Amino acid sequence: MSDFLRHLGCGVCKKQFDSDRIWNLCPVCHNPLFAIYDLEKIGWLLKRDDLSSRPPTLWRYREFLPVDISNDGSLGEGYTPLIRSINLGSTLGLGSLYIKDEGANPSGSFKMRGMAVALIQARELGIREVVVPSTGYAGIAAAAYANRIGIKIHLYLPVDTPEELIHKSRFLGGEVRLIEGFITDCIRAAADDARLNGWFELSPLRQPYQIEGEKTLGLELAEQMGWDLPDVIIFPTGTGSGLLAIGKAIEELMMIGWVS
């Protein structure tokens, strides 16, 4: 458990909960919980230049994460290239357009960030079996990480998920169940079976840890741009967790004075 993690807080009713216990949604109002850090302590102990000597993975930001670095678990996720797109920028009339290449993550998507942190945190809390609803890439990332650190994983995928993604999920050790319908049906079925079997439900925004891993996208963008934030960030919405995560990262960096 991180020395900088204070507690978990509900984003709606503002109730606080112990971070060393297992939570999904806020037990009071059933809205998402978020990790709250001692940012004053982080700002006092850590300087921006300290990051330069650390490994090029998301764990270089360990003070901003709910768990300390786990060398036995890491697959080298995070710190993906930020590439200046000169030709596309010129076509669009943008003088400074950059693209973050999240395909460079071990599982081929940004989902690896959230699953890495969420699963290591789950292991720290004593969780040994999880269920993950996914349309493909989150399941692959979760299966890869669960296999790495010894957690049993059940993946609930829509029945029309591309066969390649189903095969990868199974190859990496995931127990796959195909669900008729859409991702919302997978989420519903995963929640029901989690309650029935005592599994931990690892759905987006239904637990406070995945967003912390995705938050490193915002931390990296700030560092890679010399702590001068871009005017605009364009991000594919999906469940919205990545958007919230980047916003959370920027807010925390502002609060310790690293960006303005």
C-alpha atoms as a PDB file:
ATOM      1  CA  MET A   1       0.000   0.000   0.000  1.00  0.00           C
ATOM      2  CA  SER A   2       1.287   3.457  -0.873  1.00  0.00           C
ATOM      3  CA  ASP A   3       2.548   5.683   1.937  1.00  0.00           C
ATOM      4  CA  PHE A   4       0.881   8.622   0.176  1.00  0.00           C
ATOM      5  CA  LEU A   5      -2.640   7.206  -0.157  1.00  0.00           C
ATOM      6  CA  ARG A   6      -4.884   8.788   2.477  1.00  0.00           C
ATOM      7  CA  HIS A   7      -8.275   7.218   1.838  1.00  0.00           C
ATOM      8  CA  LEU A   8     -10.934   6.610  -0.778  1.00  0.00           C
ATOM      9  CA  GLY A   9     -13.516   9.315  -1.356  1.00  0.00           C
ATOM     10  CA  CYS A  10     -16.892   9.345  -3.072  1.00  0.00           C
ATOM     11  CA  GLY A  11     -17.100  11.857  -5.892  1.00  0.00           C
ATOM     12  CA  VAL A  12     -20.770  12.620  -5.103  1.00  0.00           C
ATOM     13  CA  CYS A  13     -21.600  12.325  -1.391  1.00  0.00           C
ATOM     14  CA  LYS A  14     -17.966  13.047  -0.351  1.00  0.00           C
ATOM     15  CA  LYS A  15     -17.913  10.258   2.254  1.00  0.00           C
ATOM     16  CA  GLN A  16     -14.487   8.839   3.064  1.00  0.00           C
ATOM     17  CA  PHE A  17     -13.527   5.172   3.362  1.00  0.00           C
ATOM     18  CA  ASP A  18     -10.454   3.245   4.517  1.00  0.00           C
ATOM     19  CA  SER A  19      -8.150   2.396   1.632  1.00  0.00           C
ATOM     20  CA  ASP A  20      -7.011  -0.909   3.158  1.00  0.00           C
ATOM     21  CA  ARG A  21     -10.455  -2.478   2.726  1.00  0.00           C
ATOM     22  CA  ILE A  22     -12.080  -3.882  -0.416  1.00  0.00           C
ATOM     23  CA  TRP A  23     -14.634  -1.574  -2.045  1.00  0.00           C
ATOM     24  CA  ASN A  24     -16.448  -1.359  -5.339  1.00  0.00           C
ATOM     25  CA  LEU A  25     -18.936   1.533  -5.446  1.00  0.00           C
ATOM     26  CA  CYS A  26     -19.646   3.924  -2.591  1.00  0.00           C
ATOM     27  CA  PRO A  27     -21.752   1.959  -0.072  1.00  0.00           C
ATOM     28  CA  VAL A  28     -23.732   5.110   0.784  1.00  0.00           C
ATOM     29  CA  CYS A  29     -24.839   6.471  -2.602  1.00  0.00           C
ATOM     30  CA  HIS A  30     -23.500   3.800  -5.023  1.00  0.00           C
ATOM     31  CA  ASN A  31     -21.367   6.201  -7.051  1.00  0.00           C
ATOM     32  CA  PRO A  32     -17.666   5.771  -7.994  1.00  0.00           C
ATOM     33  CA  LEU A  33     -14.924   6.006  -5.382  1.00  0.00           C
ATOM     34  CA  PHE A  34     -11.590   7.720  -6.034  1.00  0.00           C
ATOM     35  CA  ALA A  35      -8.160   7.459  -4.418  1.00  0.00           C
ATOM     36  CA  ILE A  36      -7.204  10.555  -2.409  1.00  0.00           C
ATOM     37  CA  TYR A  37      -3.510  11.259  -1.794  1.00  0.00           C
ATOM     38  CA  ASP A  38      -1.449  13.372   0.557  1.00  0.00           C
ATOM     39  CA  LEU A  39      -0.455  15.733  -2.251  1.00  0.00           C
ATOM     40  CA  GLU A  40       1.273  18.141   0.114  1.00  0.00           C
ATOM     41  CA  LYS A  41       3.604  15.336   1.200  1.00  0.00           C
ATOM     42  CA  ILE A  42       4.223  14.287  -2.404  1.00  0.00           C
ATOM     43  CA  GLY A  43       5.053  17.860  -3.407  1.00  0.00           C
ATOM     44  CA  TRP A  44       7.435  18.200  -0.479  1.00  0.00           C
ATOM     45  CA  LEU A  45       9.316  14.914  -1.006  1.00  0.00           C
ATOM     46  CA  LEU A  46       9.264  14.579  -4.796  1.00  0.00           C
ATOM     47  CA  LYS A  47      10.621  16.950  -7.428  1.00  0.00           C
ATOM     48  CA  ARG A  48       9.957  16.799 -11.142  1.00  0.00           C
ATOM     49  CA  ASP A  49      13.624  16.181 -11.918  1.00  0.00           C
ATOM     50  CA  ASP A  50      13.572  13.061  -9.720  1.00  0.00           C
ATOM     51  CA  LEU A  51      11.579  11.236 -12.397  1.00  0.00           C
ATOM     52  CA  SER A  52      14.366  11.356 -14.990  1.00  0.00           C
ATOM     53  CA  SER A  53      16.372   8.585 -13.308  1.00  0.00           C
ATOM     54  CA  ARG A  54      13.440   6.198 -12.986  1.00  0.00           C
ATOM     55  CA  PRO A  55      12.512   3.291 -15.316  1.00  0.00           C
ATOM     56  CA  PRO A  56      10.394   4.273 -18.359  1.00  0.00           C
ATOM     57  CA  THR A  57       7.186   2.625 -17.139  1.00  0.00           C
ATOM     58  CA  LEU A  58       4.061   3.944 -15.440  1.00  0.00           C
ATOM     59  CA  TRP A  59       5.589   2.921 -12.105  1.00  0.00           C
ATOM     60  CA  ARG A  60       7.887   5.951 -12.283  1.00  0.00           C
ATOM     61  CA  TYR A  61       4.865   7.819 -10.847  1.00  0.00           C
ATOM     62  CA  ARG A  62       4.502   5.482  -7.874  1.00  0.00           C
ATOM     63  CA  GLU A  63       3.826   8.323  -5.418  1.00  0.00           C
ATOM     64  CA  PHE A  64       0.646   9.072  -7.375  1.00  0.00           C
ATOM     65  CA  LEU A  65      -0.507   5.443  -7.341  1.00  0.00           C
ATOM     66  CA  PRO A  66      -2.306   3.385  -4.661  1.00  0.00           C
ATOM     67  CA  VAL A  67       0.421   0.720  -4.619  1.00  0.00           C
ATOM     68  CA  ASP A  68       4.198   0.912  -4.567  1.00  0.00           C
ATOM     69  CA  ILE A  69       6.202  -0.322  -7.555  1.00  0.00           C
ATOM     70  CA  SER A  70       6.005  -4.078  -8.057  1.00  0.00           C
ATOM     71  CA  ASN A  71       9.024  -5.348  -9.960  1.00  0.00           C
ATOM     72  CA  ASP A  72       7.723  -8.920  -9.898  1.00  0.00           C
ATOM     73  CA  GLY A  73       4.518  -7.839 -11.606  1.00  0.00           C
ATOM     74  CA  SER A  74       5.489  -5.211 -14.153  1.00  0.00           C
ATOM     75  CA  LEU A  75       5.363  -6.093 -17.837  1.00  0.00           C
ATOM     76  CA  GLY A  76       6.850  -2.751 -18.881  1.00  0.00           C
ATOM     77  CA  GLU A  77       3.547  -0.918 -19.292  1.00  0.00           C
ATOM     78  CA  GLY A  78       3.339   2.822 -19.736  1.00  0.00           C
ATOM     79  CA  TYR A  79       5.652   5.621 -20.810  1.00  0.00           C
ATOM     80  CA  THR A  80       4.624   5.186 -24.435  1.00  0.00           C
ATOM     81  CA  PRO A  81       5.985   7.444 -27.203  1.00  0.00           C
ATOM     82  CA  LEU A  82       4.560  10.913 -27.808  1.00  0.00           C
ATOM     83  CA  ILE A  83       5.040  11.472 -31.545  1.00  0.00           C
ATOM     84  CA  ARG A  84       4.833  14.804 -33.333  1.00  0.00           C
ATOM     85  CA  SER A  85       2.575  14.402 -36.355  1.00  0.00           C
ATOM     86  CA  ILE A  86       3.934  16.952 -38.813  1.00  0.00           C
ATOM     87  CA  ASN A  87       2.030  15.929 -41.952  1.00  0.00           C
ATOM     88  CA  LEU A  88      -1.376  15.421 -40.321  1.00  0.00           C
ATOM     89  CA  GLY A  89      -0.894  18.575 -38.278  1.00  0.00           C
ATOM     90  CA  SER A  90      -0.157  20.533 -41.441  1.00  0.00           C
ATOM     91  CA  THR A  91      -3.234  19.098 -43.167  1.00  0.00           C
ATOM     92  CA  LEU A  92      -5.426  20.102 -40.228  1.00  0.00           C
ATOM     93  CA  GLY A  93      -3.816  23.517 -39.879  1.00  0.00           C
ATOM     94  CA  LEU A  94      -2.276  22.655 -36.507  1.00  0.00           C
ATOM     95  CA  GLY A  95       1.286  23.777 -35.880  1.00  0.00           C
ATOM     96  CA  SER A  96       1.878  21.431 -32.976  1.00  0.00           C
ATOM     97  CA  LEU A  97      -0.021  18.129 -33.109  1.00  0.00           C
ATOM     98  CA  TYR A  98       1.165  15.130 -31.084  1.00  0.00           C
ATOM     99  CA  ILE A  99      -0.135  11.567 -30.964  1.00  0.00           C
ATOM    100  CA  LYS A 100       0.346   9.290 -27.942  1.00  0.00           C
ATOM    101  CA  ASP A 101       1.102   5.789 -29.229  1.00  0.00           C
ATOM    102  CA  GLU A 102      -0.692   3.572 -26.715  1.00  0.00           C
ATOM    103  CA  GLY A 103      -0.273   0.611 -29.042  1.00  0.00           C
ATOM    104  CA  ALA A 104       3.238   0.351 -27.609  1.00  0.00           C
ATOM    105  CA  ASN A 105       1.859  -1.049 -24.346  1.00  0.00           C
ATOM    106  CA  PRO A 106       2.428  -4.812 -23.893  1.00  0.00           C
ATOM    107  CA  SER A 107      -1.226  -5.646 -24.596  1.00  0.00           C
ATOM    108  CA  GLY A 108      -1.547  -3.134 -27.445  1.00  0.00           C
ATOM    109  CA  SER A 109      -3.826  -0.603 -25.755  1.00  0.00           C
ATOM    110  CA  PHE A 110      -4.052   1.913 -22.922  1.00  0.00           C
ATOM    111  CA  LYS A 111      -6.172  -0.624 -21.003  1.00  0.00           C
ATOM    112  CA  MET A 112      -2.919  -2.171 -19.767  1.00  0.00           C
ATOM    113  CA  ARG A 113      -2.363   0.833 -17.501  1.00  0.00           C
ATOM    114  CA  GLY A 114      -5.583   0.488 -15.567  1.00  0.00           C
ATOM    115  CA  MET A 115      -5.461  -3.277 -15.312  1.00  0.00           C
ATOM    116  CA  ALA A 116      -1.854  -3.299 -14.090  1.00  0.00           C
ATOM    117  CA  VAL A 117      -2.580  -1.011 -11.156  1.00  0.00           C
ATOM    118  CA  ALA A 118      -6.034  -2.467 -10.404  1.00  0.00           C
ATOM    119  CA  LEU A 119      -4.833  -6.061 -10.327  1.00  0.00           C
ATOM    120  CA  ILE A 120      -1.720  -5.381  -8.259  1.00  0.00           C
ATOM    121  CA  GLN A 121      -3.846  -3.416  -5.805  1.00  0.00           C
ATOM    122  CA  ALA A 122      -6.336  -6.297  -5.751  1.00  0.00           C
ATOM    123  CA  ARG A 123      -3.555  -8.714  -4.893  1.00  0.00           C
ATOM    124  CA  GLU A 124      -2.352  -6.377  -2.127  1.00  0.00           C
ATOM    125  CA  LEU A 125      -5.866  -6.474  -0.646  1.00  0.00           C
ATOM    126  CA  GLY A 126      -5.947 -10.275  -0.693  1.00  0.00           C
ATOM    127  CA  ILE A 127      -8.173 -10.710  -3.759  1.00  0.00           C
ATOM    128  CA  ARG A 128      -7.422 -13.886  -5.706  1.00  0.00           C
ATOM    129  CA  GLU A 129     -10.305 -14.124  -8.193  1.00  0.00           C
ATOM    130  CA  VAL A 130     -11.782 -11.361 -10.359  1.00  0.00           C
ATOM    131  CA  VAL A 131     -14.340 -10.918 -13.119  1.00  0.00           C
ATOM    132  CA  VAL A 132     -13.847  -8.428 -15.964  1.00  0.00           C
ATOM    133  CA  PRO A 133     -16.487  -7.450 -18.563  1.00  0.00           C
ATOM    134  CA  SER A 134     -14.850  -6.337 -21.796  1.00  0.00           C
ATOM    135  CA  THR A 135     -15.262  -5.855 -25.524  1.00  0.00           C
ATOM    136  CA  GLY A 136     -11.767  -7.261 -26.054  1.00  0.00           C
ATOM    137  CA  TYR A 137      -8.698  -5.206 -25.206  1.00  0.00           C
ATOM    138  CA  ALA A 138      -9.432  -4.681 -21.510  1.00  0.00           C
ATOM    139  CA  GLY A 139      -9.874  -8.432 -21.211  1.00  0.00           C
ATOM    140  CA  ILE A 140      -6.562  -9.126 -22.916  1.00  0.00           C
ATOM    141  CA  ALA A 141      -4.766  -6.652 -20.651  1.00  0.00           C
ATOM    142  CA  ALA A 142      -6.426  -8.087 -17.552  1.00  0.00           C
ATOM    143  CA  ALA A 143      -5.655 -11.677 -18.541  1.00  0.00           C
ATOM    144  CA  ALA A 144      -2.005 -10.869 -19.204  1.00  0.00           C
ATOM    145  CA  TYR A 145      -1.568  -9.183 -15.846  1.00  0.00           C
ATOM    146  CA  ALA A 146      -3.609 -11.669 -13.845  1.00  0.00           C
ATOM    147  CA  ASN A 147      -1.542 -14.482 -15.347  1.00  0.00           C
ATOM    148  CA  ARG A 148       1.640 -12.617 -14.426  1.00  0.00           C
ATOM    149  CA  ILE A 149       0.769 -12.134 -10.751  1.00  0.00           C
ATOM    150  CA  GLY A 150      -1.266 -15.275 -10.040  1.00  0.00           C
ATOM    151  CA  ILE A 151      -4.885 -14.083  -9.926  1.00  0.00           C
ATOM    152  CA  LYS A 152      -7.679 -16.194 -11.440  1.00  0.00           C
ATOM    153  CA  ILE A 153      -9.693 -14.196 -13.955  1.00  0.00           C
ATOM    154  CA  HIS A 154     -13.109 -14.593 -15.572  1.00  0.00           C
ATOM    155  CA  LEU A 155     -13.726 -12.567 -18.732  1.00  0.00           C
ATOM    156  CA  TYR A 156     -17.259 -11.746 -19.901  1.00  0.00           C
ATOM    157  CA  LEU A 157     -17.232 -10.773 -23.587  1.00  0.00           C
ATOM    158  CA  PRO A 158     -20.039 -10.065 -26.087  1.00  0.00           C
ATOM    159  CA  VAL A 159     -20.697 -13.082 -28.262  1.00  0.00           C
ATOM    160  CA  ASP A 160     -19.718 -11.102 -31.392  1.00  0.00           C
ATOM    161  CA  THR A 161     -16.256 -10.193 -30.064  1.00  0.00           C
ATOM    162  CA  PRO A 162     -13.662 -10.779 -32.834  1.00  0.00           C
ATOM    163  CA  GLU A 163     -12.300 -14.321 -32.649  1.00  0.00           C
ATOM    164  CA  GLU A 164      -8.715 -13.047 -32.485  1.00  0.00           C
ATOM    165  CA  LEU A 165      -9.425 -11.173 -29.237  1.00  0.00           C
ATOM    166  CA  ILE A 166     -11.224 -14.159 -27.722  1.00  0.00           C
ATOM    167  CA  HIS A 167      -8.287 -16.408 -28.621  1.00  0.00           C
ATOM    168  CA  LYS A 168      -5.760 -14.009 -27.070  1.00  0.00           C
ATOM    169  CA  SER A 169      -7.798 -13.758 -23.884  1.00  0.00           C
ATOM    170  CA  ARG A 170      -7.899 -17.535 -23.525  1.00  0.00           C
ATOM    171  CA  PHE A 171      -4.254 -17.975 -24.501  1.00  0.00           C
ATOM    172  CA  LEU A 172      -3.268 -15.598 -21.685  1.00  0.00           C
ATOM    173  CA  GLY A 173      -5.176 -17.654 -19.128  1.00  0.00           C
ATOM    174  CA  GLY A 174      -8.570 -15.953 -19.005  1.00  0.00           C
ATOM    175  CA  GLU A 175     -11.673 -18.081 -18.463  1.00  0.00           C
ATOM    176  CA  VAL A 176     -13.931 -16.637 -21.176  1.00  0.00           C
ATOM    177  CA  ARG A 177     -17.725 -16.541 -21.068  1.00  0.00           C
ATOM    178  CA  LEU A 178     -19.520 -15.185 -24.134  1.00  0.00           C
ATOM    179  CA  ILE A 179     -22.644 -13.129 -23.403  1.00  0.00           C
ATOM    180  CA  GLU A 180     -25.533 -12.441 -25.794  1.00  0.00           C
ATOM    181  CA  GLY A 181     -25.944  -8.691 -26.239  1.00  0.00           C
ATOM    182  CA  PHE A 182     -23.705  -5.682 -25.653  1.00  0.00           C
ATOM    183  CA  ILE A 183     -21.024  -4.658 -23.148  1.00  0.00           C
ATOM    184  CA  THR A 184     -23.774  -3.418 -20.813  1.00  0.00           C
ATOM    185  CA  ASP A 185     -25.117  -6.984 -20.710  1.00  0.00           C
ATOM    186  CA  CYS A 186     -21.617  -8.248 -19.909  1.00  0.00           C
ATOM    187  CA  ILE A 187     -21.292  -5.731 -17.064  1.00  0.00           C
ATOM    188  CA  ARG A 188     -24.667  -6.791 -15.662  1.00  0.00           C
ATOM    189  CA  ALA A 189     -23.825 -10.507 -15.853  1.00  0.00           C
ATOM    190  CA  ALA A 190     -20.375  -9.938 -14.326  1.00  0.00           C
ATOM    191  CA  ALA A 191     -21.873  -8.003 -11.404  1.00  0.00           C
ATOM    192  CA  ASP A 192     -24.450 -10.737 -10.762  1.00  0.00           C
ATOM    193  CA  ASP A 193     -21.876 -13.531 -10.821  1.00  0.00           C
ATOM    194  CA  ALA A 194     -19.445 -11.537  -8.699  1.00  0.00           C
ATOM    195  CA  ARG A 195     -22.073 -11.311  -5.950  1.00  0.00           C
ATOM    196  CA  LEU A 196     -22.987 -14.983  -6.333  1.00  0.00           C
ATOM    197  CA  ASN A 197     -19.412 -16.344  -6.322  1.00  0.00           C
ATOM    198  CA  GLY A 198     -17.570 -13.824  -4.164  1.00  0.00           C
ATOM    199  CA  TRP A 199     -15.401 -12.556  -7.028  1.00  0.00           C
ATOM    200  CA  PHE A 200     -14.085  -9.015  -7.171  1.00  0.00           C
ATOM    201  CA  GLU A 201     -15.847  -7.049  -9.905  1.00  0.00           C
ATOM    202  CA  LEU A 202     -13.271  -5.235 -12.039  1.00  0.00           C
ATOM    203  CA  SER A 203     -15.577  -3.086 -14.181  1.00  0.00           C
ATOM    204  CA  PRO A 204     -14.740   0.495 -15.273  1.00  0.00           C
ATOM    205  CA  LEU A 205     -15.676   3.052 -12.592  1.00  0.00           C
ATOM    206  CA  ARG A 206     -17.130   0.297 -10.385  1.00  0.00           C
ATOM    207  CA  GLN A 207     -13.890   0.112  -8.386  1.00  0.00           C
ATOM    208  CA  PRO A 208     -11.407   2.887  -7.503  1.00  0.00           C
ATOM    209  CA  TYR A 209      -8.156   1.416  -8.823  1.00  0.00           C
ATOM    210  CA  GLN A 210      -8.345   1.109 -12.614  1.00  0.00           C
ATOM    211  CA  ILE A 211      -8.666   4.856 -13.071  1.00  0.00           C
ATOM    212  CA  GLU A 212      -5.428   5.342 -11.109  1.00  0.00           C
ATOM    213  CA  GLY A 213      -3.474   3.358 -13.679  1.00  0.00           C
ATOM    214  CA  GLU A 214      -5.136   5.197 -16.558  1.00  0.00           C
ATOM    215  CA  LYS A 215      -4.256   8.441 -14.785  1.00  0.00           C
ATOM    216  CA  THR A 216      -0.615   7.910 -15.756  1.00  0.00           C
ATOM    217  CA  LEU A 217      -1.572   8.926 -19.299  1.00  0.00           C
ATOM    218  CA  GLY A 218      -2.050  12.484 -18.024  1.00  0.00           C
ATOM    219  CA  LEU A 219       1.111  12.371 -15.917  1.00  0.00           C
ATOM    220  CA  GLU A 220       3.139  11.217 -18.913  1.00  0.00           C
ATOM    221  CA  LEU A 221       1.686  13.836 -21.238  1.00  0.00           C
ATOM    222  CA  ALA A 222       2.696  16.561 -18.802  1.00  0.00           C
ATOM    223  CA  GLU A 223       6.213  15.212 -18.352  1.00  0.00           C
ATOM    224  CA  GLN A 224       6.813  14.496 -22.049  1.00  0.00           C
ATOM    225  CA  MET A 225       5.690  18.020 -22.964  1.00  0.00           C
ATOM    226  CA  GLY A 226       8.103  19.593 -20.498  1.00  0.00           C
ATOM    227  CA  TRP A 227       5.338  20.293 -17.937  1.00  0.00           C
ATOM    228  CA  ASP A 228       3.643  22.683 -20.376  1.00  0.00           C
ATOM    229  CA  LEU A 229       0.141  21.290 -20.839  1.00  0.00           C
ATOM    230  CA  PRO A 230      -1.413  21.149 -24.321  1.00  0.00           C
ATOM    231  CA  ASP A 231      -4.320  23.398 -25.235  1.00  0.00           C
ATOM    232  CA  VAL A 232      -6.530  20.432 -26.135  1.00  0.00           C
ATOM    233  CA  ILE A 233      -6.475  16.694 -25.430  1.00  0.00           C
ATOM    234  CA  ILE A 234      -8.571  14.456 -27.679  1.00  0.00           C
ATOM    235  CA  PHE A 235      -9.368  11.054 -26.198  1.00  0.00           C
ATOM    236  CA  PRO A 236     -11.764   8.260 -27.318  1.00  0.00           C
ATOM    237  CA  THR A 237     -14.467   8.270 -24.669  1.00  0.00           C
ATOM    238  CA  GLY A 238     -15.592   4.648 -24.277  1.00  0.00           C
ATOM    239  CA  THR A 239     -16.731   4.260 -20.669  1.00  0.00           C
ATOM    240  CA  GLY A 240     -15.304   7.693 -19.840  1.00  0.00           C
ATOM    241  CA  SER A 241     -12.814   6.398 -17.278  1.00  0.00           C
ATOM    242  CA  GLY A 242      -9.818   7.547 -19.312  1.00  0.00           C
ATOM    243  CA  LEU A 243     -11.179  11.086 -19.580  1.00  0.00           C
ATOM    244  CA  LEU A 244     -11.765  11.239 -15.834  1.00  0.00           C
ATOM    245  CA  ALA A 245      -8.323   9.759 -15.219  1.00  0.00           C
ATOM    246  CA  ILE A 246      -6.477  12.351 -17.310  1.00  0.00           C
ATOM    247  CA  GLY A 247      -8.431  15.131 -15.621  1.00  0.00           C
ATOM    248  CA  LYS A 248      -7.573  13.713 -12.194  1.00  0.00           C
ATOM    249  CA  ALA A 249      -3.891  13.580 -13.105  1.00  0.00           C
ATOM    250  CA  ILE A 250      -3.826  17.205 -14.239  1.00  0.00           C
ATOM    251  CA  GLU A 251      -5.699  18.339 -11.139  1.00  0.00           C
ATOM    252  CA  GLU A 252      -3.204  16.582  -8.860  1.00  0.00           C
ATOM    253  CA  LEU A 253      -0.235  18.043 -10.742  1.00  0.00           C
ATOM    254  CA  MET A 254      -1.742  21.517 -10.431  1.00  0.00           C
ATOM    255  CA  MET A 255      -2.267  21.060  -6.706  1.00  0.00           C
ATOM    256  CA  ILE A 256       1.436  20.337  -6.125  1.00  0.00           C
ATOM    257  CA  GLY A 257       2.496  23.155  -8.454  1.00  0.00           C
ATOM    258  CA  TRP A 258       4.076  21.083 -11.210  1.00  0.00           C
ATOM    259  CA  VAL A 259       1.816  22.507 -13.960  1.00  0.00           C
ATOM    260  CA  SER A 260      -0.377  25.568 -14.311  1.00  0.00           C
END
